[in-house]
Amino acid sequence: MKTNESANKEYQAAMRNIMIGAVCFGAGVGATLVGTTNFSGEPGVHINLPLMILGDALLISSIPLLLKSNKRLKRAVDIYNDGLHSTCIQRKTDFSIALTENGVGVIMKF
């Protein structure tokens, strides 16, 4: 990807989105678990509502970032592959039936 500048930029942007999305997702899971866990040992449900809301918000905000990074990765691969097709030499493969040393055979030239 480093040889194709525009594909590399898309790839770097996708990796940045993945990193931010993964950190938000991990922090959201942690905050939600801590917010809903009863550390006091007393019977009854003791929910830390602000921490749970923060965790849920982080979880929800990570989803679009991860989806966007997936689209950017696909776009980077498409840009890179299009660049490969334009720089490579495309030769035509030729099949023919001809007489050979061993008799009639198929000759393939590429």
PDB file of N, CA and C in Angstrom:
ATOM      1  N   MET A   1       0.818  -1.199   0.000  1.00  0.00           N
ATOM      2  CA  MET A   1       0.000   0.000   0.000  1.00  0.00           C
ATOM      3  C   MET A   1       0.863   1.264   0.000  1.00  0.00           C
ATOM      4  N   LYS A   2       2.095   1.145   0.446  1.00  0.00           N
ATOM      5  CA  LYS A   2       2.931   2.338   0.528  1.00  0.00           C
ATOM      6  C   LYS A   2       3.306   2.890  -0.838  1.00  0.00           C
ATOM      7  N   THR A   3       3.238   2.062  -1.871  1.00  0.00           N
ATOM      8  CA  THR A   3       3.589   2.540  -3.206  1.00  0.00           C
ATOM      9  C   THR A   3       2.472   3.379  -3.824  1.00  0.00           C
ATOM     10  N   ASN A   4       1.240   3.176  -3.403  1.00  0.00           N
ATOM     11  CA  ASN A   4       0.105   3.932  -3.912  1.00  0.00           C
ATOM     12  C   ASN A   4      -0.320   4.927  -2.831  1.00  0.00           C
ATOM     13  N   GLU A   5      -0.086   6.205  -3.083  1.00  0.00           N
ATOM     14  CA  GLU A   5      -0.282   7.232  -2.061  1.00  0.00           C
ATOM     15  C   GLU A   5      -1.749   7.389  -1.639  1.00  0.00           C
ATOM     16  N   SER A   6      -2.661   7.398  -2.596  1.00  0.00           N
ATOM     17  CA  SER A   6      -4.067   7.591  -2.242  1.00  0.00           C
ATOM     18  C   SER A   6      -4.623   6.371  -1.500  1.00  0.00           C
ATOM     19  N   ALA A   7      -4.194   5.172  -1.878  1.00  0.00           N
ATOM     20  CA  ALA A   7      -4.627   3.974  -1.156  1.00  0.00           C
ATOM     21  C   ALA A   7      -4.050   3.963   0.250  1.00  0.00           C
ATOM     22  N   ASN A   8      -2.820   4.427   0.389  1.00  0.00           N
ATOM     23  CA  ASN A   8      -2.190   4.475   1.706  1.00  0.00           C
ATOM     24  C   ASN A   8      -2.903   5.464   2.627  1.00  0.00           C
ATOM     25  N   LYS A   9      -3.337   6.596   2.087  1.00  0.00           N
ATOM     26  CA  LYS A   9      -4.078   7.573   2.907  1.00  0.00           C
ATOM     27  C   LYS A   9      -5.402   6.992   3.393  1.00  0.00           C
ATOM     28  N   GLU A  10      -6.106   6.292   2.508  1.00  0.00           N
ATOM     29  CA  GLU A  10      -7.365   5.648   2.913  1.00  0.00           C
ATOM     30  C   GLU A  10      -7.116   4.575   3.968  1.00  0.00           C
ATOM     31  N   TYR A  11      -6.047   3.824   3.783  1.00  0.00           N
ATOM     32  CA  TYR A  11      -5.712   2.768   4.733  1.00  0.00           C
ATOM     33  C   TYR A  11      -5.380   3.356   6.112  1.00  0.00           C
ATOM     34  N   GLN A  12      -4.596   4.427   6.134  1.00  0.00           N
ATOM     35  CA  GLN A  12      -4.244   5.055   7.411  1.00  0.00           C
ATOM     36  C   GLN A  12      -5.484   5.632   8.107  1.00  0.00           C
ATOM     37  N   ALA A  13      -6.389   6.222   7.336  1.00  0.00           N
ATOM     38  CA  ALA A  13      -7.626   6.747   7.921  1.00  0.00           C
ATOM     39  C   ALA A  13      -8.487   5.617   8.480  1.00  0.00           C
ATOM     40  N   ALA A  14      -8.526   4.486   7.780  1.00  0.00           N
ATOM     41  CA  ALA A  14      -9.289   3.332   8.261  1.00  0.00           C
ATOM     42  C   ALA A  14      -8.683   2.784   9.547  1.00  0.00           C
ATOM     43  N   MET A  15      -7.378   2.709   9.619  1.00  0.00           N
ATOM     44  CA  MET A  15      -6.725   2.212  10.836  1.00  0.00           C
ATOM     45  C   MET A  15      -6.962   3.157  12.015  1.00  0.00           C
ATOM     46  N   ARG A  16      -6.980   4.444  11.737  1.00  0.00           N
ATOM     47  CA  ARG A  16      -7.255   5.420  12.797  1.00  0.00           C
ATOM     48  C   ARG A  16      -8.687   5.248  13.317  1.00  0.00           C
ATOM     49  N   ASN A  17      -9.641   5.049  12.409  1.00  0.00           N
ATOM     50  CA  ASN A  17     -11.027   4.825  12.827  1.00  0.00           C
ATOM     51  C   ASN A  17     -11.179   3.529  13.600  1.00  0.00           C
ATOM     52  N   ILE A  18     -10.459   2.483  13.195  1.00  0.00           N
ATOM     53  CA  ILE A  18     -10.524   1.216  13.914  1.00  0.00           C
ATOM     54  C   ILE A  18      -9.997   1.392  15.332  1.00  0.00           C
ATOM     55  N   MET A  19      -8.892   2.107  15.472  1.00  0.00           N
ATOM     56  CA  MET A  19      -8.310   2.296  16.803  1.00  0.00           C
ATOM     57  C   MET A  19      -9.248   3.089  17.713  1.00  0.00           C
ATOM     58  N   ILE A  20      -9.802   4.165  17.206  1.00  0.00           N
ATOM     59  CA  ILE A  20     -10.721   4.978  18.011  1.00  0.00           C
ATOM     60  C   ILE A  20     -11.981   4.183  18.345  1.00  0.00           C
ATOM     61  N   GLY A  21     -12.514   3.458  17.372  1.00  0.00           N
ATOM     62  CA  GLY A  21     -13.708   2.647  17.602  1.00  0.00           C
ATOM     63  C   GLY A  21     -13.464   1.538  18.603  1.00  0.00           C
ATOM     64  N   ALA A  22     -12.295   0.900  18.534  1.00  0.00           N
ATOM     65  CA  ALA A  22     -11.987  -0.181  19.470  1.00  0.00           C
ATOM     66  C   ALA A  22     -11.809   0.344  20.891  1.00  0.00           C
ATOM     67  N   VAL A  23     -11.186   1.502  21.036  1.00  0.00           N
ATOM     68  CA  VAL A  23     -11.018   2.094  22.371  1.00  0.00           C
ATOM     69  C   VAL A  23     -12.376   2.483  22.941  1.00  0.00           C
ATOM     70  N   CYS A  24     -13.217   3.097  22.124  1.00  0.00           N
ATOM     71  CA  CYS A  24     -14.567   3.459  22.591  1.00  0.00           C
ATOM     72  C   CYS A  24     -15.373   2.221  22.958  1.00  0.00           C
ATOM     73  N   PHE A  25     -15.263   1.175  22.157  1.00  0.00           N
ATOM     74  CA  PHE A  25     -16.003  -0.055  22.438  1.00  0.00           C
ATOM     75  C   PHE A  25     -15.533  -0.686  23.751  1.00  0.00           C
ATOM     76  N   GLY A  26     -14.235  -0.780  23.931  1.00  0.00           N
ATOM     77  CA  GLY A  26     -13.691  -1.364  25.154  1.00  0.00           C
ATOM     78  C   GLY A  26     -14.041  -0.551  26.383  1.00  0.00           C
ATOM     79  N   ALA A  27     -13.928   0.769  26.283  1.00  0.00           N
ATOM     80  CA  ALA A  27     -14.284   1.621  27.418  1.00  0.00           C
ATOM     81  C   ALA A  27     -15.777   1.530  27.706  1.00  0.00           C
ATOM     82  N   GLY A  28     -16.583   1.425  26.670  1.00  0.00           N
ATOM     83  CA  GLY A  28     -18.024   1.310  26.861  1.00  0.00           C
ATOM     84  C   GLY A  28     -18.414   0.017  27.548  1.00  0.00           C
ATOM     85  N   VAL A  29     -17.779  -1.083  27.149  1.00  0.00           N
ATOM     86  CA  VAL A  29     -18.064  -2.371  27.798  1.00  0.00           C
ATOM     87  C   VAL A  29     -17.640  -2.314  29.256  1.00  0.00           C
ATOM     88  N   GLY A  30     -16.458  -1.781  29.510  1.00  0.00           N
ATOM     89  CA  GLY A  30     -15.979  -1.682  30.892  1.00  0.00           C
ATOM     90  C   GLY A  30     -16.861  -0.804  31.755  1.00  0.00           C
ATOM     91  N   ALA A  31     -17.238   0.357  31.244  1.00  0.00           N
ATOM     92  CA  ALA A  31     -18.070   1.273  32.022  1.00  0.00           C
ATOM     93  C   ALA A  31     -19.458   0.687  32.266  1.00  0.00           C
ATOM     94  N   THR A  32     -20.000  -0.008  31.285  1.00  0.00           N
ATOM     95  CA  THR A  32     -21.315  -0.627  31.465  1.00  0.00           C
ATOM     96  C   THR A  32     -21.254  -1.739  32.510  1.00  0.00           C
ATOM     97  N   LEU A  33     -20.221  -2.548  32.451  1.00  0.00           N
ATOM     98  CA  LEU A  33     -20.086  -3.629  33.431  1.00  0.00           C
ATOM     99  C   LEU A  33     -19.884  -3.093  34.846  1.00  0.00           C
ATOM    100  N   VAL A  34     -19.039  -2.076  34.990  1.00  0.00           N
ATOM    101  CA  VAL A  34     -18.814  -1.498  36.317  1.00  0.00           C
ATOM    102  C   VAL A  34     -20.071  -0.795  36.814  1.00  0.00           C
ATOM    103  N   GLY A  35     -20.791  -0.154  35.915  1.00  0.00           N
ATOM    104  CA  GLY A  35     -22.006   0.559  36.316  1.00  0.00           C
ATOM    105  C   GLY A  35     -23.127  -0.362  36.754  1.00  0.00           C
ATOM    106  N   THR A  36     -23.153  -1.591  36.253  1.00  0.00           N
ATOM    107  CA  THR A  36     -24.237  -2.498  36.601  1.00  0.00           C
ATOM    108  C   THR A  36     -23.841  -3.539  37.649  1.00  0.00           C
ATOM    109  N   THR A  37     -22.588  -3.549  38.088  1.00  0.00           N
ATOM    110  CA  THR A  37     -22.135  -4.532  39.068  1.00  0.00           C
ATOM    111  C   THR A  37     -22.368  -4.017  40.480  1.00  0.00           C
ATOM    112  N   ASN A  38     -22.814  -4.910  41.359  1.00  0.00           N
ATOM    113  CA  ASN A  38     -23.064  -4.579  42.760  1.00  0.00           C
ATOM    114  C   ASN A  38     -21.809  -4.937  43.553  1.00  0.00           C
ATOM    115  N   PHE A  39     -20.987  -3.923  43.856  1.00  0.00           N
ATOM    116  CA  PHE A  39     -19.749  -4.162  44.584  1.00  0.00           C
ATOM    117  C   PHE A  39     -19.954  -4.156  46.100  1.00  0.00           C
ATOM    118  N   SER A  40     -21.071  -3.662  46.567  1.00  0.00           N
ATOM    119  CA  SER A  40     -21.282  -3.544  48.009  1.00  0.00           C
ATOM    120  C   SER A  40     -21.635  -4.867  48.666  1.00  0.00           C
ATOM    121  N   GLY A  41     -22.138  -5.798  47.930  1.00  0.00           N
ATOM    122  CA  GLY A  41     -22.513  -7.079  48.488  1.00  0.00           C
ATOM    123  C   GLY A  41     -23.866  -7.072  49.176  1.00  0.00           C
ATOM    124  N   GLU A  42     -24.515  -5.941  49.215  1.00  0.00           N
ATOM    125  CA  GLU A  42     -25.837  -5.854  49.824  1.00  0.00           C
ATOM    126  C   GLU A  42     -26.872  -6.385  48.843  1.00  0.00           C
ATOM    127  N   PRO A  43     -27.929  -6.985  49.383  1.00  0.00           N
ATOM    128  CA  PRO A  43     -28.976  -7.454  48.471  1.00  0.00           C
ATOM    129  C   PRO A  43     -29.695  -6.279  47.809  1.00  0.00           C
ATOM    130  N   GLY A  44     -30.227  -6.528  46.666  1.00  0.00           N
ATOM    131  CA  GLY A  44     -30.894  -5.468  45.911  1.00  0.00           C
ATOM    132  C   GLY A  44     -30.003  -4.999  44.780  1.00  0.00           C
ATOM    133  N   VAL A  45     -30.578  -4.296  43.879  1.00  0.00           N
ATOM    134  CA  VAL A  45     -29.831  -3.839  42.713  1.00  0.00           C
ATOM    135  C   VAL A  45     -29.354  -2.422  42.963  1.00  0.00           C
ATOM    136  N   HIS A  46     -28.066  -2.225  42.847  1.00  0.00           N
ATOM    137  CA  HIS A  46     -27.466  -0.898  42.976  1.00  0.00           C
ATOM    138  C   HIS A  46     -26.777  -0.573  41.659  1.00  0.00           C
ATOM    139  N   ILE A  47     -27.408   0.197  40.844  1.00  0.00           N
ATOM    140  CA  ILE A  47     -26.870   0.531  39.529  1.00  0.00           C
ATOM    141  C   ILE A  47     -26.326   1.952  39.579  1.00  0.00           C
ATOM    142  N   ASN A  48     -25.103   2.106  39.103  1.00  0.00           N
ATOM    143  CA  ASN A  48     -24.512   3.429  38.947  1.00  0.00           C
ATOM    144  C   ASN A  48     -24.973   3.956  37.584  1.00  0.00           C
ATOM    145  N   LEU A  49     -26.072   4.677  37.600  1.00  0.00           N
ATOM    146  CA  LEU A  49     -26.732   5.088  36.365  1.00  0.00           C
ATOM    147  C   LEU A  49     -25.871   5.979  35.466  1.00  0.00           C
ATOM    148  N   PRO A  50     -25.163   6.997  36.010  1.00  0.00           N
ATOM    149  CA  PRO A  50     -24.350   7.826  35.103  1.00  0.00           C
ATOM    150  C   PRO A  50     -23.241   7.034  34.406  1.00  0.00           C
ATOM    151  N   LEU A  51     -22.627   6.106  35.137  1.00  0.00           N
ATOM    152  CA  LEU A  51     -21.569   5.313  34.536  1.00  0.00           C
ATOM    153  C   LEU A  51     -22.129   4.348  33.483  1.00  0.00           C
ATOM    154  N   MET A  52     -23.297   3.802  33.744  1.00  0.00           N
ATOM    155  CA  MET A  52     -23.932   2.909  32.785  1.00  0.00           C
ATOM    156  C   MET A  52     -24.346   3.665  31.520  1.00  0.00           C
ATOM    157  N   ILE A  53     -24.863   4.863  31.679  1.00  0.00           N
ATOM    158  CA  ILE A  53     -25.253   5.680  30.522  1.00  0.00           C
ATOM    159  C   ILE A  53     -24.025   6.051  29.698  1.00  0.00           C
ATOM    160  N   LEU A  54     -22.924   6.402  30.370  1.00  0.00           N
ATOM    161  CA  LEU A  54     -21.683   6.724  29.665  1.00  0.00           C
ATOM    162  C   LEU A  54     -21.182   5.516  28.884  1.00  0.00           C
ATOM    163  N   GLY A  55     -21.220   4.347  29.502  1.00  0.00           N
ATOM    164  CA  GLY A  55     -20.775   3.135  28.827  1.00  0.00           C
ATOM    165  C   GLY A  55     -21.630   2.804  27.616  1.00  0.00           C
ATOM    166  N   ASP A  56     -22.925   2.932  27.772  1.00  0.00           N
ATOM    167  CA  ASP A  56     -23.819   2.662  26.637  1.00  0.00           C
ATOM    168  C   ASP A  56     -23.600   3.661  25.501  1.00  0.00           C
ATOM    169  N   ALA A  57     -23.374   4.922  25.862  1.00  0.00           N
ATOM    170  CA  ALA A  57     -23.122   5.940  24.833  1.00  0.00           C
ATOM    171  C   ALA A  57     -21.821   5.642  24.079  1.00  0.00           C
ATOM    172  N   LEU A  58     -20.794   5.192  24.808  1.00  0.00           N
ATOM    173  CA  LEU A  58     -19.540   4.840  24.141  1.00  0.00           C
ATOM    174  C   LEU A  58     -19.716   3.627  23.233  1.00  0.00           C
ATOM    175  N   LEU A  59     -20.485   2.656  23.689  1.00  0.00           N
ATOM    176  CA  LEU A  59     -20.748   1.480  22.855  1.00  0.00           C
ATOM    177  C   LEU A  59     -21.476   1.860  21.573  1.00  0.00           C
ATOM    178  N   ILE A  60     -22.498   2.670  21.703  1.00  0.00           N
ATOM    179  CA  ILE A  60     -23.291   3.060  20.535  1.00  0.00           C
ATOM    180  C   ILE A  60     -22.467   3.927  19.576  1.00  0.00           C
ATOM    181  N   SER A  61     -21.611   4.791  20.120  1.00  0.00           N
ATOM    182  CA  SER A  61     -20.815   5.657  19.249  1.00  0.00           C
ATOM    183  C   SER A  61     -19.690   4.897  18.546  1.00  0.00           C
ATOM    184  N   SER A  62     -19.299   3.744  19.068  1.00  0.00           N
ATOM    185  CA  SER A  62     -18.227   2.984  18.414  1.00  0.00           C
ATOM    186  C   SER A  62     -18.717   2.260  17.168  1.00  0.00           C
ATOM    187  N   ILE A  63     -19.993   1.957  17.089  1.00  0.00           N
ATOM    188  CA  ILE A  63     -20.518   1.182  15.955  1.00  0.00           C
ATOM    189  C   ILE A  63     -20.345   1.919  14.623  1.00  0.00           C
ATOM    190  N   PRO A  64     -20.726   3.197  14.501  1.00  0.00           N
ATOM    191  CA  PRO A  64     -20.518   3.876  13.212  1.00  0.00           C
ATOM    192  C   PRO A  64     -19.039   4.019  12.843  1.00  0.00           C
ATOM    193  N   LEU A  65     -18.182   4.191  13.851  1.00  0.00           N
ATOM    194  CA  LEU A  65     -16.755   4.304  13.556  1.00  0.00           C
ATOM    195  C   LEU A  65     -16.211   3.002  12.969  1.00  0.00           C
ATOM    196  N   LEU A  66     -16.613   1.885  13.529  1.00  0.00           N
ATOM    197  CA  LEU A  66     -16.134   0.604  13.020  1.00  0.00           C
ATOM    198  C   LEU A  66     -16.714   0.287  11.642  1.00  0.00           C
ATOM    199  N   LEU A  67     -17.967   0.655  11.405  1.00  0.00           N
ATOM    200  CA  LEU A  67     -18.558   0.447  10.079  1.00  0.00           C
ATOM    201  C   LEU A  67     -17.884   1.329   9.027  1.00  0.00           C
ATOM    202  N   LYS A  68     -17.580   2.570   9.401  1.00  0.00           N
ATOM    203  CA  LYS A  68     -16.918   3.491   8.479  1.00  0.00           C
ATOM    204  C   LYS A  68     -15.509   3.002   8.145  1.00  0.00           C
ATOM    205  N   SER A  69     -14.829   2.444   9.144  1.00  0.00           N
ATOM    206  CA  SER A  69     -13.474   1.952   8.885  1.00  0.00           C
ATOM    207  C   SER A  69     -13.501   0.761   7.938  1.00  0.00           C
ATOM    208  N   ASN A  70     -14.514  -0.072   8.029  1.00  0.00           N
ATOM    209  CA  ASN A  70     -14.636  -1.205   7.112  1.00  0.00           C
ATOM    210  C   ASN A  70     -14.814  -0.721   5.676  1.00  0.00           C
ATOM    211  N   LYS A  71     -15.639   0.297   5.480  1.00  0.00           N
ATOM    212  CA  LYS A  71     -15.836   0.853   4.141  1.00  0.00           C
ATOM    213  C   LYS A  71     -14.550   1.477   3.607  1.00  0.00           C
ATOM    214  N   ARG A  72     -13.803   2.151   4.486  1.00  0.00           N
ATOM    215  CA  ARG A  72     -12.556   2.778   4.051  1.00  0.00           C
ATOM    216  C   ARG A  72     -11.503   1.735   3.685  1.00  0.00           C
ATOM    217  N   LEU A  73     -11.471   0.640   4.421  1.00  0.00           N
ATOM    218  CA  LEU A  73     -10.530  -0.427   4.085  1.00  0.00           C
ATOM    219  C   LEU A  73     -10.852  -1.022   2.719  1.00  0.00           C
ATOM    220  N   LYS A  74     -12.133  -1.249   2.452  1.00  0.00           N
ATOM    221  CA  LYS A  74     -12.526  -1.777   1.145  1.00  0.00           C
ATOM    222  C   LYS A  74     -12.168  -0.799   0.037  1.00  0.00           C
ATOM    223  N   ARG A  75     -12.387   0.498   0.292  1.00  0.00           N
ATOM    224  CA  ARG A  75     -12.052   1.512  -0.709  1.00  0.00           C
ATOM    225  C   ARG A  75     -10.547   1.554  -0.957  1.00  0.00           C
ATOM    226  N   ALA A  76      -9.738   1.415   0.110  1.00  0.00           N
ATOM    227  CA  ALA A  76      -8.285   1.421  -0.038  1.00  0.00           C
ATOM    228  C   ALA A  76      -7.815   0.228  -0.871  1.00  0.00           C
ATOM    229  N   VAL A  77      -8.396  -0.924  -0.637  1.00  0.00           N
ATOM    230  CA  VAL A  77      -8.026  -2.116  -1.412  1.00  0.00           C
ATOM    231  C   VAL A  77      -8.438  -1.950  -2.866  1.00  0.00           C
ATOM    232  N   ASP A  78      -9.612  -1.389  -3.116  1.00  0.00           N
ATOM    233  CA  ASP A  78     -10.057  -1.162  -4.494  1.00  0.00           C
ATOM    234  C   ASP A  78      -9.136  -0.177  -5.222  1.00  0.00           C
ATOM    235  N   ILE A  79      -8.745   0.895  -4.548  1.00  0.00           N
ATOM    236  CA  ILE A  79      -7.840   1.872  -5.156  1.00  0.00           C
ATOM    237  C   ILE A  79      -6.502   1.217  -5.469  1.00  0.00           C
ATOM    238  N   TYR A  80      -5.998   0.428  -4.536  1.00  0.00           N
ATOM    239  CA  TYR A  80      -4.718  -0.243  -4.741  1.00  0.00           C
ATOM    240  C   TYR A  80      -4.786  -1.243  -5.896  1.00  0.00           C
ATOM    241  N   ASN A  81      -5.858  -2.026  -5.932  1.00  0.00           N
ATOM    242  CA  ASN A  81      -5.996  -3.016  -7.003  1.00  0.00           C
ATOM    243  C   ASN A  81      -6.175  -2.359  -8.369  1.00  0.00           C
ATOM    244  N   ASP A  82      -6.910  -1.245  -8.422  1.00  0.00           N
ATOM    245  CA  ASP A  82      -7.053  -0.525  -9.692  1.00  0.00           C
ATOM    246  C   ASP A  82      -5.708  -0.002 -10.172  1.00  0.00           C
ATOM    247  N   GLY A  83      -4.870   0.425  -9.259  1.00  0.00           N
ATOM    248  CA  GLY A  83      -3.532   0.875  -9.625  1.00  0.00           C
ATOM    249  C   GLY A  83      -2.670  -0.254 -10.149  1.00  0.00           C
ATOM    250  N   LEU A  84      -2.854  -1.451  -9.620  1.00  0.00           N
ATOM    251  CA  LEU A  84      -2.092  -2.599 -10.111  1.00  0.00           C
ATOM    252  C   LEU A  84      -2.495  -2.964 -11.527  1.00  0.00           C
ATOM    253  N   HIS A  85      -3.778  -2.925 -11.817  1.00  0.00           N
ATOM    254  CA  HIS A  85      -4.251  -3.284 -13.156  1.00  0.00           C
ATOM    255  C   HIS A  85      -3.753  -2.297 -14.206  1.00  0.00           C
ATOM    256  N   SER A  86      -3.609  -1.045 -13.842  1.00  0.00           N
ATOM    257  CA  SER A  86      -3.183  -0.059 -14.829  1.00  0.00           C
ATOM    258  C   SER A  86      -1.676  -0.102 -15.077  1.00  0.00           C
ATOM    259  N   THR A  87      -0.890  -0.665 -14.141  1.00  0.00           N
ATOM    260  CA  THR A  87       0.557  -0.671 -14.331  1.00  0.00           C
ATOM    261  C   THR A  87       1.093  -1.996 -14.850  1.00  0.00           C
ATOM    262  N   CYS A  88       0.326  -3.061 -14.765  1.00  0.00           N
ATOM    263  CA  CYS A  88       0.838  -4.361 -15.204  1.00  0.00           C
ATOM    264  C   CYS A  88       0.638  -4.529 -16.704  1.00  0.00           C
ATOM    265  N   ILE A  89       1.460  -5.385 -17.273  1.00  0.00           N
ATOM    266  CA  ILE A  89       1.370  -5.683 -18.700  1.00  0.00           C
ATOM    267  C   ILE A  89       0.419  -6.859 -18.862  1.00  0.00           C
ATOM    268  N   GLN A  90      -0.610  -6.657 -19.642  1.00  0.00           N
ATOM    269  CA  GLN A  90      -1.570  -7.722 -19.865  1.00  0.00           C
ATOM    270  C   GLN A  90      -1.274  -8.357 -21.210  1.00  0.00           C
ATOM    271  N   ARG A  91      -0.998  -9.645 -21.141  1.00  0.00           N
ATOM    272  CA  ARG A  91      -0.727 -10.374 -22.376  1.00  0.00           C
ATOM    273  C   ARG A  91      -1.893 -11.297 -22.659  1.00  0.00           C
ATOM    274  N   LYS A  92      -2.063 -11.560 -23.909  1.00  0.00           N
ATOM    275  CA  LYS A  92      -3.152 -12.425 -24.319  1.00  0.00           C
ATOM    276  C   LYS A  92      -2.660 -13.871 -24.343  1.00  0.00           C
ATOM    277  N   THR A  93      -3.471 -14.772 -23.818  1.00  0.00           N
ATOM    278  CA  THR A  93      -3.161 -16.189 -23.853  1.00  0.00           C
ATOM    279  C   THR A  93      -3.732 -16.778 -25.134  1.00  0.00           C
ATOM    280  N   ASP A  94      -2.921 -17.597 -25.792  1.00  0.00           N
ATOM    281  CA  ASP A  94      -3.318 -18.157 -27.078  1.00  0.00           C
ATOM    282  C   ASP A  94      -3.331 -19.681 -26.984  1.00  0.00           C
ATOM    283  N   PHE A  95      -4.462 -20.273 -27.312  1.00  0.00           N
ATOM    284  CA  PHE A  95      -4.596 -21.729 -27.401  1.00  0.00           C
ATOM    285  C   PHE A  95      -4.719 -22.114 -28.863  1.00  0.00           C
ATOM    286  N   SER A  96      -3.995 -23.166 -29.254  1.00  0.00           N
ATOM    287  CA  SER A  96      -4.127 -23.645 -30.623  1.00  0.00           C
ATOM    288  C   SER A  96      -3.885 -25.151 -30.663  1.00  0.00           C
ATOM    289  N   ILE A  97      -4.434 -25.779 -31.675  1.00  0.00           N
ATOM    290  CA  ILE A  97      -4.227 -27.207 -31.890  1.00  0.00           C
ATOM    291  C   ILE A  97      -3.258 -27.337 -33.056  1.00  0.00           C
ATOM    292  N   ALA A  98      -2.180 -28.072 -32.821  1.00  0.00           N
ATOM    293  CA  ALA A  98      -1.158 -28.182 -33.864  1.00  0.00           C
ATOM    294  C   ALA A  98      -0.488 -29.547 -33.778  1.00  0.00           C
ATOM    295  N   LEU A  99       0.297 -29.832 -34.805  1.00  0.00           N
ATOM    296  CA  LEU A  99       1.084 -31.051 -34.811  1.00  0.00           C
ATOM    297  C   LEU A  99       2.351 -30.826 -33.996  1.00  0.00           C
ATOM    298  N   THR A 100       2.617 -31.736 -33.104  1.00  0.00           N
ATOM    299  CA  THR A 100       3.821 -31.658 -32.280  1.00  0.00           C
ATOM    300  C   THR A 100       4.659 -32.893 -32.526  1.00  0.00           C
ATOM    301  N   GLU A 101       5.746 -33.060 -31.801  1.00  0.00           N
ATOM    302  CA  GLU A 101       6.612 -34.220 -31.944  1.00  0.00           C
ATOM    303  C   GLU A 101       5.882 -35.514 -31.610  1.00  0.00           C
ATOM    304  N   ASN A 102       4.938 -35.420 -30.662  1.00  0.00           N
ATOM    305  CA  ASN A 102       4.201 -36.603 -30.207  1.00  0.00           C
ATOM    306  C   ASN A 102       2.865 -36.788 -30.913  1.00  0.00           C
ATOM    307  N   GLY A 103       2.562 -35.978 -31.852  1.00  0.00           N
ATOM    308  CA  GLY A 103       1.296 -36.090 -32.554  1.00  0.00           C
ATOM    309  C   GLY A 103       0.532 -34.781 -32.478  1.00  0.00           C
ATOM    310  N   VAL A 104      -0.807 -34.884 -32.502  1.00  0.00           N
ATOM    311  CA  VAL A 104      -1.646 -33.691 -32.432  1.00  0.00           C
ATOM    312  C   VAL A 104      -1.783 -33.293 -30.957  1.00  0.00           C
ATOM    313  N   GLY A 105      -1.621 -32.011 -30.682  1.00  0.00           N
ATOM    314  CA  GLY A 105      -1.717 -31.555 -29.294  1.00  0.00           C
ATOM    315  C   GLY A 105      -2.200 -30.136 -29.198  1.00  0.00           C
ATOM    316  N   VAL A 106      -2.477 -29.739 -27.987  1.00  0.00           N
ATOM    317  CA  VAL A 106      -2.915 -28.359 -27.712  1.00  0.00           C
ATOM    318  C   VAL A 106      -1.699 -27.569 -27.269  1.00  0.00           C
ATOM    319  N   ILE A 107      -1.497 -26.441 -27.918  1.00  0.00           N
ATOM    320  CA  ILE A 107      -0.368 -25.568 -27.582  1.00  0.00           C
ATOM    321  C   ILE A 107      -0.940 -24.312 -26.930  1.00  0.00           C
ATOM    322  N   MET A 108      -0.377 -23.974 -25.804  1.00  0.00           N
ATOM    323  CA  MET A 108      -0.807 -22.783 -25.093  1.00  0.00           C
ATOM    324  C   MET A 108       0.377 -21.817 -25.019  1.00  0.00           C
ATOM    325  N   LYS A 109       0.160 -20.618 -25.529  1.00  0.00           N
ATOM    326  CA  LYS A 109       1.192 -19.586 -25.500  1.00  0.00           C
ATOM    327  C   LYS A 109       0.690 -18.444 -24.624  1.00  0.00           C
ATOM    328  N   PHE A 110       1.542 -18.013 -23.704  1.00  0.00           N
ATOM    329  CA  PHE A 110       1.185 -16.875 -22.835  1.00  0.00           C
ATOM    330  C   PHE A 110       2.389 -16.036 -22.567  1.00  0.00           C
TER     331      PHE A 110
END
